[in-house]
Amino acid sequence: MTDALVSLVPLYGGWILMIVTFLSCLALPVPSSFLMLAGGAFAASGDLGLGTAVLSAYGGAVAGDQSGYLIGNKGGAPLVSRLGRHPKGAETLLRATDLVTRRGGIAVFLTRWLFSPLGPYVNFIGGAMGLSWHRFTVGSLSGEAVWVSLYTGLGFLFAAQIVEVAQIATDLAGLLAAAAVAGVLGMQLFRTRPDQTPGD
């Protein structure tokens, strides 16, 4: 699927980037980060305007965030329950809920680009938990600016090494996601640890 989508970028330009980033923010399995790298690479070769690539990807990502927030806001507790029944959903939901509870708008910002696998779930949870729309939107706008600029910029600068850059970015994202899991689980264990007396 990735190769087919990449081949459409020079033909349909920003529309493909917009659609793919929109869908990725709703937790659909599309190669949004790789497509942004490809968009930057096509911009470097002159097949696509860099401004078009950046603005299209950014617009799609922000629209996807807002849609996810609205879905969560309207779906509420029943939506959260359904997400928790999905394979691996309960663990992801726990992490997303914990981040939103503890960090609010900062969680939205960080999960756009640093802990991006949690991003779509934070969109849903933010809406379901009643996180302020203003705080959510500020986190979304700023975080997506980092995400889109980072990937399209890397694609533009390292167009000849796009596959290698994509692999490094994937490995790094996996490492950061694993670190987020360990941190959240550690906090949960700390919170549930029985109180100990000084003599224990």
N, C-alpha and C. Protein backbone atom coordinates (compact mmCIF):
# COMPACT_ATOMS: atom_id res chain seq x y z
N MET A 1 0.82 -1.21 0.00
CA MET A 1 0.00 0.00 0.00
C MET A 1 0.85 1.26 0.00
N THR A 2 1.98 1.21 0.73
CA THR A 2 2.83 2.38 0.84
C THR A 2 3.35 2.83 -0.52
N ASP A 3 3.84 1.86 -1.33
CA ASP A 3 4.38 2.20 -2.65
C ASP A 3 3.30 2.83 -3.53
N ALA A 4 2.09 2.29 -3.46
CA ALA A 4 1.00 2.82 -4.27
C ALA A 4 0.67 4.25 -3.88
N LEU A 5 0.65 4.52 -2.57
CA LEU A 5 0.36 5.88 -2.10
C LEU A 5 1.46 6.84 -2.48
N VAL A 6 2.72 6.41 -2.36
CA VAL A 6 3.84 7.27 -2.72
C VAL A 6 3.77 7.65 -4.20
N SER A 7 3.39 6.71 -5.04
CA SER A 7 3.31 6.99 -6.48
C SER A 7 2.24 8.01 -6.82
N LEU A 8 1.26 8.18 -5.90
CA LEU A 8 0.18 9.14 -6.14
C LEU A 8 0.55 10.56 -5.73
N VAL A 9 1.60 10.71 -4.92
CA VAL A 9 1.96 12.04 -4.40
C VAL A 9 2.29 13.02 -5.51
N PRO A 10 3.15 12.68 -6.49
CA PRO A 10 3.43 13.67 -7.54
C PRO A 10 2.24 13.92 -8.47
N LEU A 11 1.29 12.97 -8.50
CA LEU A 11 0.12 13.12 -9.37
C LEU A 11 -0.96 13.99 -8.71
N TYR A 12 -1.24 13.72 -7.44
CA TYR A 12 -2.33 14.41 -6.76
C TYR A 12 -1.83 15.36 -5.67
N GLY A 13 -0.53 15.40 -5.48
CA GLY A 13 0.08 16.38 -4.58
C GLY A 13 -0.47 16.40 -3.18
N GLY A 14 -0.84 17.60 -2.77
CA GLY A 14 -1.26 17.83 -1.40
C GLY A 14 -2.49 17.06 -0.97
N TRP A 15 -3.36 16.70 -1.91
CA TRP A 15 -4.58 16.00 -1.53
C TRP A 15 -4.28 14.66 -0.87
N ILE A 16 -3.30 13.95 -1.40
CA ILE A 16 -2.93 12.66 -0.82
C ILE A 16 -2.37 12.84 0.59
N LEU A 17 -1.49 13.82 0.75
CA LEU A 17 -0.91 14.08 2.06
C LEU A 17 -1.99 14.49 3.06
N MET A 18 -2.92 15.29 2.63
CA MET A 18 -4.00 15.75 3.51
C MET A 18 -4.88 14.58 3.96
N ILE A 19 -5.26 13.73 3.02
CA ILE A 19 -6.13 12.60 3.34
C ILE A 19 -5.43 11.62 4.28
N VAL A 20 -4.16 11.32 3.99
CA VAL A 20 -3.44 10.33 4.78
C VAL A 20 -3.19 10.82 6.21
N THR A 21 -2.79 12.07 6.37
CA THR A 21 -2.56 12.57 7.73
C THR A 21 -3.88 12.68 8.49
N PHE A 22 -4.95 13.02 7.80
CA PHE A 22 -6.27 13.07 8.44
C PHE A 22 -6.64 11.69 8.98
N LEU A 23 -6.51 10.67 8.15
CA LEU A 23 -6.89 9.31 8.56
C LEU A 23 -5.99 8.78 9.69
N SER A 24 -4.70 9.13 9.65
CA SER A 24 -3.79 8.64 10.68
C SER A 24 -4.16 9.18 12.06
N CYS A 25 -4.70 10.39 12.10
CA CYS A 25 -5.09 10.98 13.38
C CYS A 25 -6.39 10.40 13.93
N LEU A 26 -7.02 9.53 13.14
CA LEU A 26 -8.21 8.80 13.60
C LEU A 26 -7.88 7.33 13.84
N ALA A 27 -6.58 7.04 13.99
CA ALA A 27 -6.07 5.70 14.34
C ALA A 27 -6.19 4.69 13.21
N LEU A 28 -6.31 5.14 11.97
CA LEU A 28 -6.32 4.22 10.84
C LEU A 28 -4.88 3.95 10.41
N PRO A 29 -4.56 2.70 10.07
CA PRO A 29 -3.17 2.31 9.79
C PRO A 29 -2.69 2.74 8.41
N VAL A 30 -2.36 3.98 8.26
CA VAL A 30 -1.82 4.51 7.00
C VAL A 30 -0.42 5.05 7.25
N PRO A 31 0.47 4.99 6.24
CA PRO A 31 1.87 5.41 6.43
C PRO A 31 2.06 6.92 6.34
N SER A 32 1.47 7.65 7.26
CA SER A 32 1.48 9.11 7.17
C SER A 32 2.88 9.71 7.28
N SER A 33 3.69 9.23 8.21
CA SER A 33 5.03 9.79 8.38
C SER A 33 5.88 9.55 7.13
N PHE A 34 5.80 8.34 6.56
CA PHE A 34 6.57 8.05 5.35
C PHE A 34 6.08 8.89 4.18
N LEU A 35 4.77 9.10 4.09
CA LEU A 35 4.24 9.93 3.01
C LEU A 35 4.72 11.38 3.13
N MET A 36 4.85 11.87 4.35
CA MET A 36 5.38 13.22 4.52
C MET A 36 6.86 13.29 4.14
N LEU A 37 7.61 12.24 4.48
CA LEU A 37 9.00 12.17 4.01
C LEU A 37 9.04 12.19 2.48
N ALA A 38 8.16 11.42 1.87
CA ALA A 38 8.11 11.37 0.41
C ALA A 38 7.70 12.72 -0.17
N GLY A 39 6.76 13.39 0.49
CA GLY A 39 6.36 14.71 0.04
C GLY A 39 7.52 15.69 0.07
N GLY A 40 8.32 15.64 1.13
CA GLY A 40 9.51 16.49 1.20
C GLY A 40 10.51 16.14 0.12
N ALA A 41 10.67 14.85 -0.16
CA ALA A 41 11.61 14.42 -1.20
C ALA A 41 11.14 14.87 -2.58
N PHE A 42 9.85 14.76 -2.84
CA PHE A 42 9.32 15.23 -4.13
C PHE A 42 9.46 16.75 -4.25
N ALA A 43 9.35 17.44 -3.14
CA ALA A 43 9.55 18.90 -3.15
C ALA A 43 11.00 19.23 -3.51
N ALA A 44 11.94 18.43 -2.97
CA ALA A 44 13.36 18.65 -3.27
C ALA A 44 13.66 18.44 -4.75
N SER A 45 12.94 17.51 -5.39
CA SER A 45 13.18 17.22 -6.80
C SER A 45 12.38 18.14 -7.72
N GLY A 46 11.53 18.99 -7.14
CA GLY A 46 10.75 19.92 -7.94
C GLY A 46 9.42 19.38 -8.43
N ASP A 47 9.04 18.18 -8.00
CA ASP A 47 7.78 17.59 -8.43
C ASP A 47 6.59 18.03 -7.59
N LEU A 48 6.85 18.70 -6.50
CA LEU A 48 5.79 19.17 -5.60
C LEU A 48 6.31 20.39 -4.86
N GLY A 49 5.47 21.38 -4.66
CA GLY A 49 5.88 22.55 -3.91
C GLY A 49 6.05 22.22 -2.44
N LEU A 50 7.11 22.70 -1.82
CA LEU A 50 7.34 22.42 -0.40
C LEU A 50 6.22 23.01 0.45
N GLY A 51 5.78 24.22 0.11
CA GLY A 51 4.67 24.83 0.85
C GLY A 51 3.40 24.02 0.74
N THR A 52 3.14 23.48 -0.45
CA THR A 52 1.96 22.65 -0.65
C THR A 52 2.03 21.39 0.21
N ALA A 53 3.21 20.75 0.24
CA ALA A 53 3.38 19.53 1.04
C ALA A 53 3.15 19.81 2.51
N VAL A 54 3.76 20.88 3.02
CA VAL A 54 3.67 21.20 4.44
C VAL A 54 2.24 21.58 4.83
N LEU A 55 1.65 22.49 4.09
CA LEU A 55 0.32 22.98 4.45
C LEU A 55 -0.75 21.91 4.30
N SER A 56 -0.62 21.06 3.29
CA SER A 56 -1.61 20.00 3.09
C SER A 56 -1.54 18.98 4.22
N ALA A 57 -0.32 18.54 4.55
CA ALA A 57 -0.17 17.57 5.64
C ALA A 57 -0.63 18.17 6.96
N TYR A 58 -0.29 19.42 7.18
CA TYR A 58 -0.67 20.09 8.43
C TYR A 58 -2.19 20.24 8.53
N GLY A 59 -2.82 20.67 7.45
CA GLY A 59 -4.27 20.82 7.45
C GLY A 59 -4.99 19.51 7.70
N GLY A 60 -4.52 18.43 7.07
CA GLY A 60 -5.13 17.13 7.29
C GLY A 60 -4.97 16.65 8.72
N ALA A 61 -3.77 16.87 9.29
CA ALA A 61 -3.51 16.42 10.66
C ALA A 61 -4.37 17.17 11.66
N VAL A 62 -4.46 18.47 11.52
CA VAL A 62 -5.26 19.28 12.45
C VAL A 62 -6.74 18.91 12.33
N ALA A 63 -7.21 18.73 11.09
CA ALA A 63 -8.61 18.33 10.90
C ALA A 63 -8.88 16.96 11.51
N GLY A 64 -7.91 16.05 11.38
CA GLY A 64 -8.06 14.72 11.98
C GLY A 64 -8.11 14.79 13.50
N ASP A 65 -7.26 15.63 14.09
CA ASP A 65 -7.28 15.82 15.54
C ASP A 65 -8.63 16.34 16.01
N GLN A 66 -9.12 17.35 15.32
CA GLN A 66 -10.40 17.94 15.71
C GLN A 66 -11.54 16.94 15.57
N SER A 67 -11.49 16.13 14.52
CA SER A 67 -12.52 15.11 14.32
C SER A 67 -12.47 14.07 15.43
N GLY A 68 -11.25 13.63 15.79
CA GLY A 68 -11.10 12.67 16.87
C GLY A 68 -11.60 13.21 18.19
N TYR A 69 -11.29 14.48 18.47
CA TYR A 69 -11.76 15.12 19.70
C TYR A 69 -13.29 15.17 19.72
N LEU A 70 -13.88 15.55 18.59
CA LEU A 70 -15.34 15.64 18.51
C LEU A 70 -16.00 14.28 18.68
N ILE A 71 -15.41 13.24 18.05
CA ILE A 71 -15.93 11.89 18.20
C ILE A 71 -15.88 11.46 19.66
N GLY A 72 -14.75 11.73 20.32
CA GLY A 72 -14.62 11.39 21.74
C GLY A 72 -15.60 12.16 22.59
N ASN A 73 -15.79 13.43 22.27
CA ASN A 73 -16.70 14.28 23.04
C ASN A 73 -18.15 13.81 22.92
N LYS A 74 -18.52 13.37 21.74
CA LYS A 74 -19.89 12.91 21.52
C LYS A 74 -20.07 11.46 21.97
N GLY A 75 -19.03 10.65 21.83
CA GLY A 75 -19.14 9.24 22.18
C GLY A 75 -19.00 8.96 23.66
N GLY A 76 -18.19 9.77 24.36
CA GLY A 76 -18.03 9.65 25.80
C GLY A 76 -17.61 8.29 26.28
N ALA A 77 -18.15 7.89 27.44
CA ALA A 77 -17.78 6.63 28.10
C ALA A 77 -18.02 5.40 27.22
N PRO A 78 -19.12 5.30 26.46
CA PRO A 78 -19.32 4.12 25.61
C PRO A 78 -18.19 3.95 24.58
N LEU A 79 -17.71 5.08 24.03
CA LEU A 79 -16.61 5.00 23.07
C LEU A 79 -15.35 4.49 23.74
N VAL A 80 -15.05 5.01 24.92
CA VAL A 80 -13.86 4.57 25.66
C VAL A 80 -13.94 3.08 25.95
N SER A 81 -15.11 2.61 26.31
CA SER A 81 -15.31 1.20 26.60
C SER A 81 -15.05 0.35 25.36
N ARG A 82 -15.53 0.79 24.21
CA ARG A 82 -15.31 0.04 22.97
C ARG A 82 -13.83 0.03 22.59
N LEU A 83 -13.15 1.14 22.76
CA LEU A 83 -11.71 1.19 22.48
C LEU A 83 -10.95 0.21 23.36
N GLY A 84 -11.38 0.07 24.60
CA GLY A 84 -10.72 -0.81 25.53
C GLY A 84 -10.88 -2.28 25.20
N ARG A 85 -11.88 -2.63 24.40
CA ARG A 85 -12.09 -4.02 24.02
C ARG A 85 -11.26 -4.44 22.82
N HIS A 86 -10.67 -3.47 22.14
CA HIS A 86 -9.84 -3.77 20.97
C HIS A 86 -8.53 -4.42 21.41
N PRO A 87 -8.00 -5.39 20.61
CA PRO A 87 -6.70 -5.98 20.97
C PRO A 87 -5.64 -4.89 21.18
N LYS A 88 -4.97 -4.94 22.27
CA LYS A 88 -3.97 -3.95 22.68
C LYS A 88 -4.59 -2.60 23.01
N GLY A 89 -5.91 -2.51 22.85
CA GLY A 89 -6.57 -1.23 23.09
C GLY A 89 -6.56 -0.83 24.55
N ALA A 90 -6.71 -1.80 25.44
CA ALA A 90 -6.78 -1.47 26.86
C ALA A 90 -5.48 -0.83 27.34
N GLU A 91 -4.34 -1.39 26.91
CA GLU A 91 -3.05 -0.84 27.33
C GLU A 91 -2.83 0.55 26.75
N THR A 92 -3.14 0.72 25.47
CA THR A 92 -2.98 2.02 24.83
C THR A 92 -3.91 3.04 25.47
N LEU A 93 -5.12 2.61 25.76
CA LEU A 93 -6.10 3.48 26.40
C LEU A 93 -5.62 3.93 27.77
N LEU A 94 -5.02 3.01 28.52
CA LEU A 94 -4.49 3.34 29.84
C LEU A 94 -3.42 4.41 29.75
N ARG A 95 -2.51 4.24 28.80
CA ARG A 95 -1.43 5.20 28.63
C ARG A 95 -1.97 6.57 28.23
N ALA A 96 -2.90 6.56 27.26
CA ALA A 96 -3.46 7.83 26.78
C ALA A 96 -4.24 8.54 27.89
N THR A 97 -5.03 7.77 28.64
CA THR A 97 -5.81 8.35 29.73
C THR A 97 -4.90 8.93 30.81
N ASP A 98 -3.86 8.20 31.14
CA ASP A 98 -2.93 8.66 32.16
C ASP A 98 -2.24 9.95 31.74
N LEU A 99 -1.82 10.02 30.47
CA LEU A 99 -1.16 11.23 29.98
C LEU A 99 -2.10 12.43 30.00
N VAL A 100 -3.32 12.23 29.53
CA VAL A 100 -4.28 13.35 29.50
C VAL A 100 -4.62 13.79 30.91
N THR A 101 -4.79 12.83 31.84
CA THR A 101 -5.12 13.17 33.22
C THR A 101 -4.01 13.98 33.87
N ARG A 102 -2.76 13.57 33.64
CA ARG A 102 -1.64 14.22 34.32
C ARG A 102 -1.13 15.47 33.61
N ARG A 103 -1.23 15.48 32.27
CA ARG A 103 -0.57 16.55 31.51
C ARG A 103 -1.50 17.44 30.70
N GLY A 104 -2.74 17.02 30.47
CA GLY A 104 -3.69 17.85 29.74
C GLY A 104 -3.19 18.25 28.36
N GLY A 105 -3.14 19.55 28.10
CA GLY A 105 -2.73 20.06 26.80
C GLY A 105 -1.31 19.70 26.43
N ILE A 106 -0.42 19.56 27.40
CA ILE A 106 0.96 19.14 27.12
C ILE A 106 0.97 17.73 26.53
N ALA A 107 0.08 16.87 27.03
CA ALA A 107 -0.03 15.51 26.49
C ALA A 107 -0.42 15.55 25.02
N VAL A 108 -1.33 16.43 24.67
CA VAL A 108 -1.73 16.57 23.27
C VAL A 108 -0.53 16.98 22.43
N PHE A 109 0.21 17.97 22.88
CA PHE A 109 1.39 18.45 22.15
C PHE A 109 2.41 17.33 21.95
N LEU A 110 2.75 16.61 23.01
CA LEU A 110 3.79 15.59 22.94
C LEU A 110 3.39 14.39 22.10
N THR A 111 2.09 14.05 22.10
CA THR A 111 1.66 12.88 21.34
C THR A 111 1.40 13.18 19.87
N ARG A 112 1.62 14.41 19.45
CA ARG A 112 1.57 14.69 18.01
C ARG A 112 2.84 14.20 17.33
N TRP A 113 3.98 14.28 18.03
CA TRP A 113 5.26 14.00 17.37
C TRP A 113 6.23 13.15 18.19
N LEU A 114 6.24 13.29 19.52
CA LEU A 114 7.21 12.56 20.31
C LEU A 114 6.72 11.15 20.66
N PHE A 115 5.46 11.05 21.11
CA PHE A 115 4.83 9.77 21.42
C PHE A 115 3.66 9.57 20.46
N SER A 116 3.94 9.67 19.17
CA SER A 116 2.88 9.71 18.17
C SER A 116 1.95 8.49 18.12
N PRO A 117 2.40 7.26 18.49
CA PRO A 117 1.44 6.16 18.48
C PRO A 117 0.24 6.37 19.42
N LEU A 118 0.42 7.22 20.43
CA LEU A 118 -0.68 7.50 21.36
C LEU A 118 -1.59 8.62 20.87
N GLY A 119 -1.15 9.35 19.85
CA GLY A 119 -1.86 10.55 19.42
C GLY A 119 -3.34 10.39 19.14
N PRO A 120 -3.74 9.44 18.26
CA PRO A 120 -5.17 9.30 17.97
C PRO A 120 -6.00 8.97 19.21
N TYR A 121 -5.44 8.16 20.12
CA TYR A 121 -6.17 7.80 21.33
C TYR A 121 -6.30 8.99 22.28
N VAL A 122 -5.28 9.84 22.30
CA VAL A 122 -5.37 11.06 23.11
C VAL A 122 -6.45 11.98 22.54
N ASN A 123 -6.62 11.99 21.22
CA ASN A 123 -7.70 12.77 20.61
C ASN A 123 -9.05 12.31 21.16
N PHE A 124 -9.28 11.00 21.10
CA PHE A 124 -10.56 10.45 21.57
C PHE A 124 -10.74 10.67 23.08
N ILE A 125 -9.68 10.37 23.85
CA ILE A 125 -9.77 10.48 25.30
C ILE A 125 -9.92 11.92 25.74
N GLY A 126 -9.22 12.83 25.05
CA GLY A 126 -9.35 14.25 25.38
C GLY A 126 -10.79 14.72 25.26
N GLY A 127 -11.45 14.31 24.17
CA GLY A 127 -12.85 14.68 24.00
C GLY A 127 -13.76 14.00 25.00
N ALA A 128 -13.52 12.71 25.25
CA ALA A 128 -14.37 11.94 26.16
C ALA A 128 -14.24 12.41 27.60
N MET A 129 -13.02 12.84 28.00
CA MET A 129 -12.79 13.27 29.37
C MET A 129 -13.12 14.75 29.60
N GLY A 130 -13.53 15.43 28.55
CA GLY A 130 -13.89 16.83 28.71
C GLY A 130 -12.71 17.77 28.81
N LEU A 131 -11.55 17.38 28.25
CA LEU A 131 -10.42 18.30 28.20
C LEU A 131 -10.85 19.55 27.44
N SER A 132 -10.51 20.71 27.96
CA SER A 132 -10.89 21.97 27.34
C SER A 132 -10.53 21.98 25.85
N TRP A 133 -11.50 22.37 25.01
CA TRP A 133 -11.25 22.44 23.57
C TRP A 133 -10.11 23.40 23.26
N HIS A 134 -10.03 24.50 23.99
CA HIS A 134 -8.96 25.46 23.76
C HIS A 134 -7.60 24.84 24.05
N ARG A 135 -7.47 24.17 25.19
CA ARG A 135 -6.19 23.52 25.53
C ARG A 135 -5.85 22.43 24.53
N PHE A 136 -6.85 21.66 24.13
CA PHE A 136 -6.62 20.61 23.14
C PHE A 136 -6.13 21.21 21.82
N THR A 137 -6.77 22.26 21.37
CA THR A 137 -6.45 22.85 20.09
C THR A 137 -5.07 23.49 20.09
N VAL A 138 -4.71 24.16 21.16
CA VAL A 138 -3.37 24.74 21.25
C VAL A 138 -2.31 23.63 21.17
N GLY A 139 -2.53 22.54 21.91
CA GLY A 139 -1.59 21.42 21.86
C GLY A 139 -1.54 20.78 20.48
N SER A 140 -2.69 20.67 19.84
CA SER A 140 -2.77 20.08 18.50
C SER A 140 -2.05 20.94 17.47
N LEU A 141 -2.35 22.22 17.44
CA LEU A 141 -1.75 23.11 16.44
C LEU A 141 -0.23 23.17 16.56
N SER A 142 0.25 23.29 17.79
CA SER A 142 1.69 23.39 17.99
C SER A 142 2.39 22.05 17.75
N GLY A 143 1.79 20.98 18.24
CA GLY A 143 2.40 19.66 18.08
C GLY A 143 2.43 19.20 16.63
N GLU A 144 1.34 19.42 15.90
CA GLU A 144 1.31 19.03 14.49
C GLU A 144 2.30 19.86 13.67
N ALA A 145 2.52 21.09 14.06
CA ALA A 145 3.51 21.92 13.37
C ALA A 145 4.89 21.28 13.48
N VAL A 146 5.21 20.75 14.66
CA VAL A 146 6.50 20.07 14.86
C VAL A 146 6.55 18.80 14.02
N TRP A 147 5.50 17.97 14.09
CA TRP A 147 5.46 16.70 13.38
C TRP A 147 5.62 16.88 11.88
N VAL A 148 4.80 17.76 11.31
CA VAL A 148 4.81 17.95 9.86
C VAL A 148 6.13 18.58 9.41
N SER A 149 6.58 19.59 10.12
CA SER A 149 7.84 20.25 9.73
C SER A 149 9.02 19.28 9.81
N LEU A 150 9.02 18.45 10.86
CA LEU A 150 10.11 17.50 11.05
C LEU A 150 10.20 16.50 9.90
N TYR A 151 9.08 15.87 9.56
CA TYR A 151 9.12 14.82 8.54
C TYR A 151 9.25 15.36 7.12
N THR A 152 8.53 16.41 6.77
CA THR A 152 8.69 16.96 5.43
C THR A 152 10.07 17.59 5.28
N GLY A 153 10.57 18.19 6.36
CA GLY A 153 11.92 18.77 6.31
C GLY A 153 12.99 17.71 6.12
N LEU A 154 12.88 16.59 6.84
CA LEU A 154 13.83 15.50 6.67
C LEU A 154 13.77 14.93 5.25
N GLY A 155 12.56 14.78 4.73
CA GLY A 155 12.41 14.28 3.36
C GLY A 155 13.04 15.23 2.35
N PHE A 156 12.91 16.53 2.58
CA PHE A 156 13.47 17.53 1.68
C PHE A 156 15.00 17.52 1.74
N LEU A 157 15.55 17.43 2.95
CA LEU A 157 17.00 17.51 3.14
C LEU A 157 17.72 16.22 2.76
N PHE A 158 17.05 15.08 2.98
CA PHE A 158 17.70 13.79 2.74
C PHE A 158 16.92 12.97 1.72
N ALA A 159 16.54 13.61 0.62
CA ALA A 159 15.71 12.96 -0.40
C ALA A 159 16.36 11.69 -0.94
N ALA A 160 17.67 11.68 -1.08
CA ALA A 160 18.36 10.52 -1.65
C ALA A 160 18.45 9.36 -0.68
N GLN A 161 18.27 9.64 0.61
CA GLN A 161 18.34 8.59 1.64
C GLN A 161 17.01 8.40 2.36
N ILE A 162 15.90 8.56 1.64
CA ILE A 162 14.60 8.59 2.28
C ILE A 162 14.26 7.28 2.99
N VAL A 163 14.65 6.14 2.40
CA VAL A 163 14.33 4.85 3.02
C VAL A 163 15.09 4.70 4.34
N GLU A 164 16.38 5.08 4.33
CA GLU A 164 17.18 4.99 5.55
C GLU A 164 16.64 5.92 6.63
N VAL A 165 16.27 7.14 6.23
CA VAL A 165 15.72 8.10 7.19
C VAL A 165 14.41 7.58 7.78
N ALA A 166 13.57 6.99 6.93
CA ALA A 166 12.30 6.44 7.40
C ALA A 166 12.52 5.33 8.42
N GLN A 167 13.53 4.48 8.18
CA GLN A 167 13.81 3.39 9.11
C GLN A 167 14.29 3.92 10.45
N ILE A 168 15.17 4.92 10.41
CA ILE A 168 15.66 5.53 11.65
C ILE A 168 14.50 6.16 12.42
N ALA A 169 13.63 6.88 11.70
CA ALA A 169 12.49 7.53 12.35
C ALA A 169 11.55 6.51 12.97
N THR A 170 11.33 5.37 12.27
CA THR A 170 10.47 4.32 12.80
C THR A 170 11.06 3.70 14.06
N ASP A 171 12.36 3.42 14.01
CA ASP A 171 13.03 2.84 15.18
C ASP A 171 12.97 3.79 16.37
N LEU A 172 13.18 5.08 16.11
CA LEU A 172 13.15 6.06 17.18
C LEU A 172 11.76 6.18 17.78
N ALA A 173 10.73 6.18 16.91
CA ALA A 173 9.35 6.27 17.40
C ALA A 173 9.01 5.07 18.27
N GLY A 174 9.48 3.88 17.85
CA GLY A 174 9.24 2.68 18.65
C GLY A 174 9.93 2.75 19.99
N LEU A 175 11.15 3.27 20.01
CA LEU A 175 11.89 3.40 21.26
C LEU A 175 11.19 4.36 22.21
N LEU A 176 10.73 5.49 21.68
CA LEU A 176 10.05 6.48 22.51
C LEU A 176 8.71 5.94 23.02
N ALA A 177 8.01 5.20 22.18
CA ALA A 177 6.73 4.61 22.62
C ALA A 177 6.97 3.61 23.74
N ALA A 178 8.03 2.80 23.61
CA ALA A 178 8.36 1.84 24.66
C ALA A 178 8.71 2.55 25.96
N ALA A 179 9.43 3.66 25.83
CA ALA A 179 9.78 4.44 27.02
C ALA A 179 8.53 5.00 27.69
N ALA A 180 7.57 5.42 26.87
CA ALA A 180 6.31 5.95 27.43
C ALA A 180 5.54 4.86 28.17
N VAL A 181 5.53 3.64 27.60
CA VAL A 181 4.86 2.52 28.25
C VAL A 181 5.50 2.25 29.61
N ALA A 182 6.84 2.16 29.61
CA ALA A 182 7.55 1.88 30.85
C ALA A 182 7.28 2.95 31.90
N GLY A 183 7.25 4.21 31.47
CA GLY A 183 7.01 5.30 32.41
C GLY A 183 5.62 5.25 33.02
N VAL A 184 4.62 5.00 32.18
CA VAL A 184 3.24 4.95 32.68
C VAL A 184 3.04 3.76 33.60
N LEU A 185 3.55 2.58 33.19
CA LEU A 185 3.41 1.41 34.05
C LEU A 185 4.14 1.59 35.37
N GLY A 186 5.31 2.25 35.32
CA GLY A 186 6.04 2.52 36.55
C GLY A 186 5.25 3.41 37.49
N MET A 187 4.60 4.44 36.92
CA MET A 187 3.78 5.33 37.73
C MET A 187 2.60 4.58 38.34
N GLN A 188 1.99 3.68 37.54
CA GLN A 188 0.86 2.91 38.06
C GLN A 188 1.30 2.00 39.21
N LEU A 189 2.45 1.36 39.07
CA LEU A 189 2.96 0.50 40.14
C LEU A 189 3.28 1.30 41.39
N PHE A 190 3.86 2.48 41.20
CA PHE A 190 4.20 3.33 42.34
C PHE A 190 2.95 3.76 43.09
N ARG A 191 1.90 4.10 42.32
CA ARG A 191 0.66 4.57 42.95
C ARG A 191 -0.04 3.47 43.73
N THR A 192 0.07 2.22 43.22
CA THR A 192 -0.64 1.12 43.87
C THR A 192 0.19 0.37 44.88
N ARG A 193 1.44 0.80 45.11
CA ARG A 193 2.31 0.12 46.07
C ARG A 193 1.78 0.31 47.48
N PRO A 194 1.68 -0.76 48.26
CA PRO A 194 1.20 -0.61 49.66
C PRO A 194 2.13 0.29 50.45
N ASP A 195 1.55 1.07 51.35
CA ASP A 195 2.37 1.92 52.22
C ASP A 195 3.23 1.04 53.12
N GLN A 196 4.46 1.47 53.28
CA GLN A 196 5.39 0.72 54.10
C GLN A 196 5.76 1.54 55.33
N THR A 197 5.89 0.84 56.44
CA THR A 197 6.33 1.51 57.65
C THR A 197 7.84 1.60 57.65
N PRO A 198 8.45 2.53 58.40
CA PRO A 198 9.90 2.68 58.41
C PRO A 198 10.62 1.42 58.81
N GLY A 199 9.99 0.53 59.59
CA GLY A 199 10.68 -0.68 60.02
C GLY A 199 10.64 -1.81 59.02
N ASP A 200 9.87 -1.63 57.91
CA ASP A 200 9.76 -2.71 56.92
C ASP A 200 11.05 -2.83 56.10
